[in-house]
Amino acid sequence: MRTETWPEMALLAGRLLIAVLFVGGAVQKILSPADAQALLVMQGLSVALIWPALIFNMITGLMLALGLWVRPVALVLAAYCGATSFFHLIPDDPWQMSIFVKNWSIAGGCLALAVAGSGRWALRPDPPIARWGH
């Protein structure tokens, strides 16, 4: 394997792993909406919010997987993970606390992806970061 191929493969693998998490979250909301709806109710929010969250998860996950506008999508997902982490801030529930921490870890991965960009293997490769603002 050529040395310049390894970083591209790692970037693609990382991008796909993060994408699977969001697409999987959307599928989970389709197949078993009750858990997500319960978290919404605990926060005093409408259970109807599950549908925009599901659509958002599916679209952004697919955009990452396909390599479409990866930098801005990753930045939005980092903010989304930070915001939604507070749904899981339930100190008496170790499972929910692990999800709280996981969301912040995913936000960190999304920030790293926003800096790295899509890589070469993308439907719409991001321009190098040095070209931003020119």
Protein backbone atom coordinates (compact mmCIF):
# COMPACT_ATOMS: atom_id res chain seq x y z
CA MET A 1 0.00 0.00 0.00
CA ARG A 2 1.32 3.43 -0.92
CA THR A 3 1.88 5.68 2.07
CA GLU A 4 -0.38 8.42 0.68
CA THR A 5 -3.24 5.90 0.41
CA TRP A 6 -3.28 5.01 4.12
CA PRO A 7 -4.50 8.44 5.35
CA GLU A 8 -7.22 8.47 2.68
CA MET A 9 -8.38 4.98 3.69
CA ALA A 10 -8.38 5.94 7.38
CA LEU A 11 -10.34 9.11 6.64
CA LEU A 12 -12.90 7.17 4.59
CA ALA A 13 -13.24 4.54 7.34
CA GLY A 14 -13.69 7.22 10.01
CA ARG A 15 -16.22 9.10 7.90
CA LEU A 16 -18.21 5.92 7.26
CA LEU A 17 -18.14 4.86 10.92
CA ILE A 18 -19.52 8.23 12.02
CA ALA A 19 -22.10 8.11 9.22
CA VAL A 20 -23.30 4.65 10.29
CA LEU A 21 -23.96 5.99 13.77
CA PHE A 22 -26.33 8.68 12.47
CA VAL A 23 -28.05 6.48 9.89
CA GLY A 24 -28.42 3.79 12.57
CA GLY A 25 -29.94 6.37 14.92
CA ALA A 26 -32.51 7.22 12.26
CA VAL A 27 -33.35 3.56 11.70
CA GLN A 28 -33.65 3.04 15.46
CA LYS A 29 -36.13 5.92 15.65
CA ILE A 30 -38.18 4.29 12.87
CA LEU A 31 -38.18 0.80 14.37
CA SER A 32 -38.48 1.73 18.04
CA PRO A 33 -39.56 5.35 18.49
CA ALA A 34 -40.75 4.92 22.10
CA ASP A 35 -37.29 5.34 23.69
CA ALA A 36 -36.53 8.59 21.87
CA GLN A 37 -40.05 9.84 22.50
CA ALA A 38 -39.66 9.16 26.24
CA LEU A 39 -36.51 11.31 26.33
CA LEU A 40 -38.39 14.12 24.59
CA VAL A 41 -41.26 13.88 27.08
CA MET A 42 -38.78 13.99 30.00
CA GLN A 43 -37.53 17.31 28.62
CA GLY A 44 -41.06 18.65 28.23
CA LEU A 45 -40.88 18.53 24.44
CA SER A 46 -43.34 17.22 21.89
CA VAL A 47 -42.93 13.61 20.76
CA ALA A 48 -43.48 14.92 17.22
CA LEU A 49 -39.88 16.21 17.31
CA ILE A 50 -38.73 12.65 16.72
CA TRP A 51 -39.55 13.00 13.02
CA PRO A 52 -37.35 16.01 12.21
CA ALA A 53 -34.58 14.39 14.28
CA LEU A 54 -34.97 11.15 12.33
CA ILE A 55 -34.85 12.97 8.98
CA PHE A 56 -31.86 15.06 10.11
CA ASN A 57 -29.97 11.95 11.27
CA MET A 58 -30.67 10.08 8.05
CA ILE A 59 -29.79 12.93 5.68
CA THR A 60 -26.62 14.03 7.46
CA GLY A 61 -25.47 10.43 7.90
CA LEU A 62 -25.93 9.73 4.20
CA MET A 63 -24.17 12.98 3.29
CA LEU A 64 -21.15 11.93 5.35
CA ALA A 65 -21.17 8.43 3.88
CA LEU A 66 -21.32 9.74 0.32
CA GLY A 67 -18.84 12.53 0.94
CA LEU A 68 -21.15 15.47 0.27
CA TRP A 69 -20.32 18.82 1.94
CA VAL A 70 -18.49 16.94 4.69
CA ARG A 71 -16.93 19.93 6.46
CA PRO A 72 -20.13 21.91 7.04
CA VAL A 73 -22.16 18.76 7.75
CA ALA A 74 -19.57 17.61 10.31
CA LEU A 75 -19.65 21.02 12.04
CA VAL A 76 -23.45 20.92 12.25
CA LEU A 77 -23.32 17.35 13.58
CA ALA A 78 -20.78 18.36 16.24
CA ALA A 79 -23.18 21.04 17.47
CA TYR A 80 -26.11 18.61 17.26
CA CYS A 81 -24.24 16.03 19.36
CA GLY A 82 -23.39 18.65 21.96
CA ALA A 83 -26.97 19.88 22.15
CA THR A 84 -28.58 16.44 22.23
CA SER A 85 -26.14 15.18 24.85
CA PHE A 86 -28.16 17.05 27.47
CA PHE A 87 -31.15 14.77 26.83
CA HIS A 88 -28.96 12.05 28.34
CA LEU A 89 -27.70 14.02 31.34
CA ILE A 90 -29.43 11.83 33.90
CA PRO A 91 -26.89 11.33 36.72
CA ASP A 92 -28.88 8.50 38.36
CA ASP A 93 -28.82 6.44 35.15
CA PRO A 94 -25.34 5.09 34.28
CA TRP A 95 -26.51 4.03 30.80
CA GLN A 96 -27.76 7.53 29.96
CA MET A 97 -24.57 9.07 31.37
CA SER A 98 -22.48 6.86 29.08
CA ILE A 99 -24.55 8.13 26.14
CA PHE A 100 -24.00 11.71 27.38
CA VAL A 101 -20.22 11.17 27.27
CA LYS A 102 -20.44 9.28 23.97
CA ASN A 103 -22.22 12.22 22.34
CA TRP A 104 -19.38 14.55 23.31
CA SER A 105 -16.87 12.03 21.94
CA ILE A 106 -18.77 11.89 18.65
CA ALA A 107 -18.81 15.70 18.59
CA GLY A 108 -15.02 15.59 18.85
CA GLY A 109 -14.82 13.12 15.97
CA CYS A 110 -17.07 15.37 13.91
CA LEU A 111 -14.84 18.37 14.64
CA ALA A 112 -11.79 16.38 13.53
CA LEU A 113 -13.66 15.36 10.38
CA ALA A 114 -14.58 19.01 9.74
CA VAL A 115 -10.88 19.88 9.79
CA ALA A 116 -9.78 16.86 7.74
CA GLY A 117 -12.56 17.20 5.17
CA SER A 118 -14.02 14.48 3.04
CA GLY A 119 -10.79 13.10 1.66
CA ARG A 120 -10.26 12.01 -1.90
CA TRP A 121 -12.92 9.30 -1.91
CA ALA A 122 -16.04 11.42 -1.88
CA LEU A 123 -18.73 12.41 -4.35
CA ARG A 124 -17.86 16.04 -3.62
CA PRO A 125 -14.34 16.27 -2.15
CA ASP A 126 -13.80 19.26 0.13
CA PRO A 127 -11.23 21.85 -0.95
CA PRO A 128 -8.05 22.05 1.11
CA ILE A 129 -8.55 24.11 4.25
CA ALA A 130 -5.88 26.61 3.15
CA ARG A 131 -8.28 27.81 0.43
CA TRP A 132 -10.96 28.83 2.93
CA GLY A 133 -11.59 32.55 2.87
CA HIS A 134 -9.95 33.17 -0.51
